[in-house]
Amino acid sequence: MSYFRDEEFLCQHCQEPGIKSEIVNLLETMREECGFPFVITSGYRCPEHPIEARKIKPGSHAGGYAVDISVSHGKALRVVESALKNGIERIGVNQKGGGRFVHVDCDPSRLTPAMWSY
């Protein structure tokens, strides 16, 4: 069973693939548990992607280990709960304004556990 298409994770800058199977597998499990569709607003980002290019060191999206899920209110809480239940220890939350999302990240090279807000 697959809830996602490969195209959802392509770099929005160059359309190249780069997402890691580890995060996709976790998302499949989370999607099943949550019971509602996930809209991926950002998956893999190549190092030249404008967001990554502004950083001193490319982030977890550039490594293929992170995605942003468009979700808000109670569904955002369910995504965070499912992420934690499934061992994701890097979570970013933006729940203000128009572009609400939850960032989930399984980058083994980054500090864990970590949670932040945007």
C-alpha atoms as a PDB file:
ATOM      1  CA  MET A   1       0.000   0.000   0.000  1.00  0.00           C
ATOM      2  CA  SER A   2       1.309   3.423  -0.854  1.00  0.00           C
ATOM      3  CA  TYR A   3      -0.303   6.707   0.061  1.00  0.00           C
ATOM      4  CA  PHE A   4       2.288   8.778  -1.790  1.00  0.00           C
ATOM      5  CA  ARG A   5       3.564   9.283  -5.332  1.00  0.00           C
ATOM      6  CA  ASP A   6       7.273   9.768  -6.020  1.00  0.00           C
ATOM      7  CA  GLU A   7       6.474  13.161  -7.567  1.00  0.00           C
ATOM      8  CA  GLU A   8       5.337  14.533  -4.192  1.00  0.00           C
ATOM      9  CA  PHE A   9       8.910  14.356  -2.885  1.00  0.00           C
ATOM     10  CA  LEU A  10      10.814  15.810  -5.861  1.00  0.00           C
ATOM     11  CA  CYS A  11      12.829  18.984  -5.426  1.00  0.00           C
ATOM     12  CA  GLN A  12      10.576  21.902  -6.344  1.00  0.00           C
ATOM     13  CA  HIS A  13      13.595  23.748  -7.741  1.00  0.00           C
ATOM     14  CA  CYS A  14      15.055  21.149 -10.150  1.00  0.00           C
ATOM     15  CA  GLN A  15      12.537  18.260 -10.036  1.00  0.00           C
ATOM     16  CA  GLU A  16      15.280  15.808  -9.041  1.00  0.00           C
ATOM     17  CA  PRO A  17      14.583  12.894  -6.685  1.00  0.00           C
ATOM     18  CA  GLY A  18      16.514  12.532  -3.459  1.00  0.00           C
ATOM     19  CA  ILE A  19      14.117  11.553  -0.692  1.00  0.00           C
ATOM     20  CA  LYS A  20      15.268   8.678   1.526  1.00  0.00           C
ATOM     21  CA  SER A  21      13.156   5.554   1.875  1.00  0.00           C
ATOM     22  CA  GLU A  22      13.478   5.814   5.669  1.00  0.00           C
ATOM     23  CA  ILE A  23      11.314   8.936   5.867  1.00  0.00           C
ATOM     24  CA  VAL A  24       8.847   7.693   3.237  1.00  0.00           C
ATOM     25  CA  ASN A  25       8.349   4.444   5.177  1.00  0.00           C
ATOM     26  CA  LEU A  26       7.731   6.398   8.374  1.00  0.00           C
ATOM     27  CA  LEU A  27       5.248   8.655   6.554  1.00  0.00           C
ATOM     28  CA  GLU A  28       3.350   5.616   5.249  1.00  0.00           C
ATOM     29  CA  THR A  29       2.959   4.322   8.807  1.00  0.00           C
ATOM     30  CA  MET A  30       1.987   7.747  10.124  1.00  0.00           C
ATOM     31  CA  ARG A  31      -0.560   8.256   7.357  1.00  0.00           C
ATOM     32  CA  GLU A  32      -2.161   4.908   8.167  1.00  0.00           C
ATOM     33  CA  GLU A  33      -2.330   5.761  11.875  1.00  0.00           C
ATOM     34  CA  CYS A  34      -3.670   9.287  11.390  1.00  0.00           C
ATOM     35  CA  GLY A  35      -6.385   8.242   8.948  1.00  0.00           C
ATOM     36  CA  PHE A  36      -6.316  11.379   6.798  1.00  0.00           C
ATOM     37  CA  PRO A  37      -4.355  12.402   3.679  1.00  0.00           C
ATOM     38  CA  PHE A  38      -1.005  14.145   4.031  1.00  0.00           C
ATOM     39  CA  VAL A  39      -0.176  16.968   1.636  1.00  0.00           C
ATOM     40  CA  ILE A  40       3.601  17.177   1.287  1.00  0.00           C
ATOM     41  CA  THR A  41       4.535  20.820   0.722  1.00  0.00           C
ATOM     42  CA  SER A  42       8.276  20.242   0.705  1.00  0.00           C
ATOM     43  CA  GLY A  43      10.228  17.014   0.354  1.00  0.00           C
ATOM     44  CA  TYR A  44      13.723  16.708  -1.020  1.00  0.00           C
ATOM     45  CA  ARG A  45      15.520  20.008  -1.734  1.00  0.00           C
ATOM     46  CA  CYS A  46      18.703  20.020  -3.794  1.00  0.00           C
ATOM     47  CA  PRO A  47      21.576  22.095  -2.343  1.00  0.00           C
ATOM     48  CA  GLU A  48      20.849  24.758  -4.999  1.00  0.00           C
ATOM     49  CA  HIS A  49      17.188  25.097  -3.956  1.00  0.00           C
ATOM     50  CA  PRO A  50      16.750  28.758  -2.917  1.00  0.00           C
ATOM     51  CA  ILE A  51      15.910  27.859   0.695  1.00  0.00           C
ATOM     52  CA  GLU A  52      18.916  25.543   1.038  1.00  0.00           C
ATOM     53  CA  ALA A  53      21.278  27.881  -0.846  1.00  0.00           C
ATOM     54  CA  ARG A  54      20.700  30.611   1.789  1.00  0.00           C
ATOM     55  CA  LYS A  55      21.912  28.336   4.582  1.00  0.00           C
ATOM     56  CA  ILE A  56      25.498  28.018   5.792  1.00  0.00           C
ATOM     57  CA  LYS A  57      25.076  24.241   5.686  1.00  0.00           C
ATOM     58  CA  PRO A  58      22.238  22.555   3.724  1.00  0.00           C
ATOM     59  CA  GLY A  59      19.556  21.133   6.019  1.00  0.00           C
ATOM     60  CA  SER A  60      17.812  17.807   6.398  1.00  0.00           C
ATOM     61  CA  HIS A  61      15.610  18.379   3.334  1.00  0.00           C
ATOM     62  CA  ALA A  62      18.806  18.490   1.224  1.00  0.00           C
ATOM     63  CA  GLY A  63      19.868  15.187   2.749  1.00  0.00           C
ATOM     64  CA  GLY A  64      16.521  13.656   1.798  1.00  0.00           C
ATOM     65  CA  TYR A  65      15.544  13.005   5.411  1.00  0.00           C
ATOM     66  CA  ALA A  66      12.821  15.623   5.967  1.00  0.00           C
ATOM     67  CA  VAL A  67       9.390  16.637   4.728  1.00  0.00           C
ATOM     68  CA  ASP A  68       6.891  19.349   5.534  1.00  0.00           C
ATOM     69  CA  ILE A  69       3.257  18.259   5.853  1.00  0.00           C
ATOM     70  CA  SER A  70       0.500  20.837   5.337  1.00  0.00           C
ATOM     71  CA  VAL A  71      -1.664  20.346   8.412  1.00  0.00           C
ATOM     72  CA  SER A  72      -3.253  22.430  11.148  1.00  0.00           C
ATOM     73  CA  HIS A  73      -5.181  22.382  14.416  1.00  0.00           C
ATOM     74  CA  GLY A  74      -6.099  18.930  15.771  1.00  0.00           C
ATOM     75  CA  LYS A  75      -4.660  17.155  12.744  1.00  0.00           C
ATOM     76  CA  ALA A  76      -1.294  18.794  13.395  1.00  0.00           C
ATOM     77  CA  LEU A  77      -1.336  17.402  16.913  1.00  0.00           C
ATOM     78  CA  ARG A  78      -2.150  13.927  15.558  1.00  0.00           C
ATOM     79  CA  VAL A  79       0.782  14.158  13.123  1.00  0.00           C
ATOM     80  CA  VAL A  80       3.153  15.153  15.943  1.00  0.00           C
ATOM     81  CA  GLU A  81       1.857  12.344  18.188  1.00  0.00           C
ATOM     82  CA  SER A  82       2.269   9.781  15.395  1.00  0.00           C
ATOM     83  CA  ALA A  83       5.748  11.052  14.561  1.00  0.00           C
ATOM     84  CA  LEU A  84       6.851  10.659  18.173  1.00  0.00           C
ATOM     85  CA  LYS A  85       5.224   7.225  18.438  1.00  0.00           C
ATOM     86  CA  ASN A  86       7.178   6.118  15.359  1.00  0.00           C
ATOM     87  CA  GLY A  87      10.554   7.310  16.614  1.00  0.00           C
ATOM     88  CA  ILE A  88      10.835  10.641  14.816  1.00  0.00           C
ATOM     89  CA  GLU A  89      12.726  12.884  17.200  1.00  0.00           C
ATOM     90  CA  ARG A  90      13.120  16.006  15.049  1.00  0.00           C
ATOM     91  CA  ILE A  91       9.908  17.993  14.633  1.00  0.00           C
ATOM     92  CA  GLY A  92       9.315  21.588  13.574  1.00  0.00           C
ATOM     93  CA  VAL A  93       5.900  23.217  13.915  1.00  0.00           C
ATOM     94  CA  ASN A  94       4.421  26.241  12.158  1.00  0.00           C
ATOM     95  CA  GLN A  95       0.851  26.755  13.322  1.00  0.00           C
ATOM     96  CA  LYS A  96       0.351  30.463  12.721  1.00  0.00           C
ATOM     97  CA  GLY A  97      -0.723  32.343   9.630  1.00  0.00           C
ATOM     98  CA  GLY A  98      -1.623  30.847   6.285  1.00  0.00           C
ATOM     99  CA  GLY A  99       1.089  28.265   5.619  1.00  0.00           C
ATOM    100  CA  ARG A 100       0.635  25.933   8.560  1.00  0.00           C
ATOM    101  CA  PHE A 101       2.717  22.764   8.532  1.00  0.00           C
ATOM    102  CA  VAL A 102       4.595  20.190  10.560  1.00  0.00           C
ATOM    103  CA  HIS A 103       8.190  19.334   9.621  1.00  0.00           C
ATOM    104  CA  VAL A 104       9.217  15.729  10.331  1.00  0.00           C
ATOM    105  CA  ASP A 105      12.826  14.702  10.050  1.00  0.00           C
ATOM    106  CA  CYS A 106      14.839  11.508  10.628  1.00  0.00           C
ATOM    107  CA  ASP A 107      18.275  12.886   9.724  1.00  0.00           C
ATOM    108  CA  PRO A 108      20.830  10.715  11.569  1.00  0.00           C
ATOM    109  CA  SER A 109      23.497  13.433  11.319  1.00  0.00           C
ATOM    110  CA  ARG A 110      21.494  16.013  13.298  1.00  0.00           C
ATOM    111  CA  LEU A 111      20.994  16.597  17.005  1.00  0.00           C
ATOM    112  CA  THR A 112      18.157  14.581  18.528  1.00  0.00           C
ATOM    113  CA  PRO A 113      15.783  14.985  20.134  1.00  0.00           C
ATOM    114  CA  ALA A 114      14.842  18.426  18.848  1.00  0.00           C
ATOM    115  CA  MET A 115      11.628  20.391  18.478  1.00  0.00           C
ATOM    116  CA  TRP A 116      11.262  23.941  17.209  1.00  0.00           C
ATOM    117  CA  SER A 117       8.700  26.436  15.972  1.00  0.00           C
ATOM    118  CA  TYR A 118       8.864  28.689  12.930  1.00  0.00           C
END
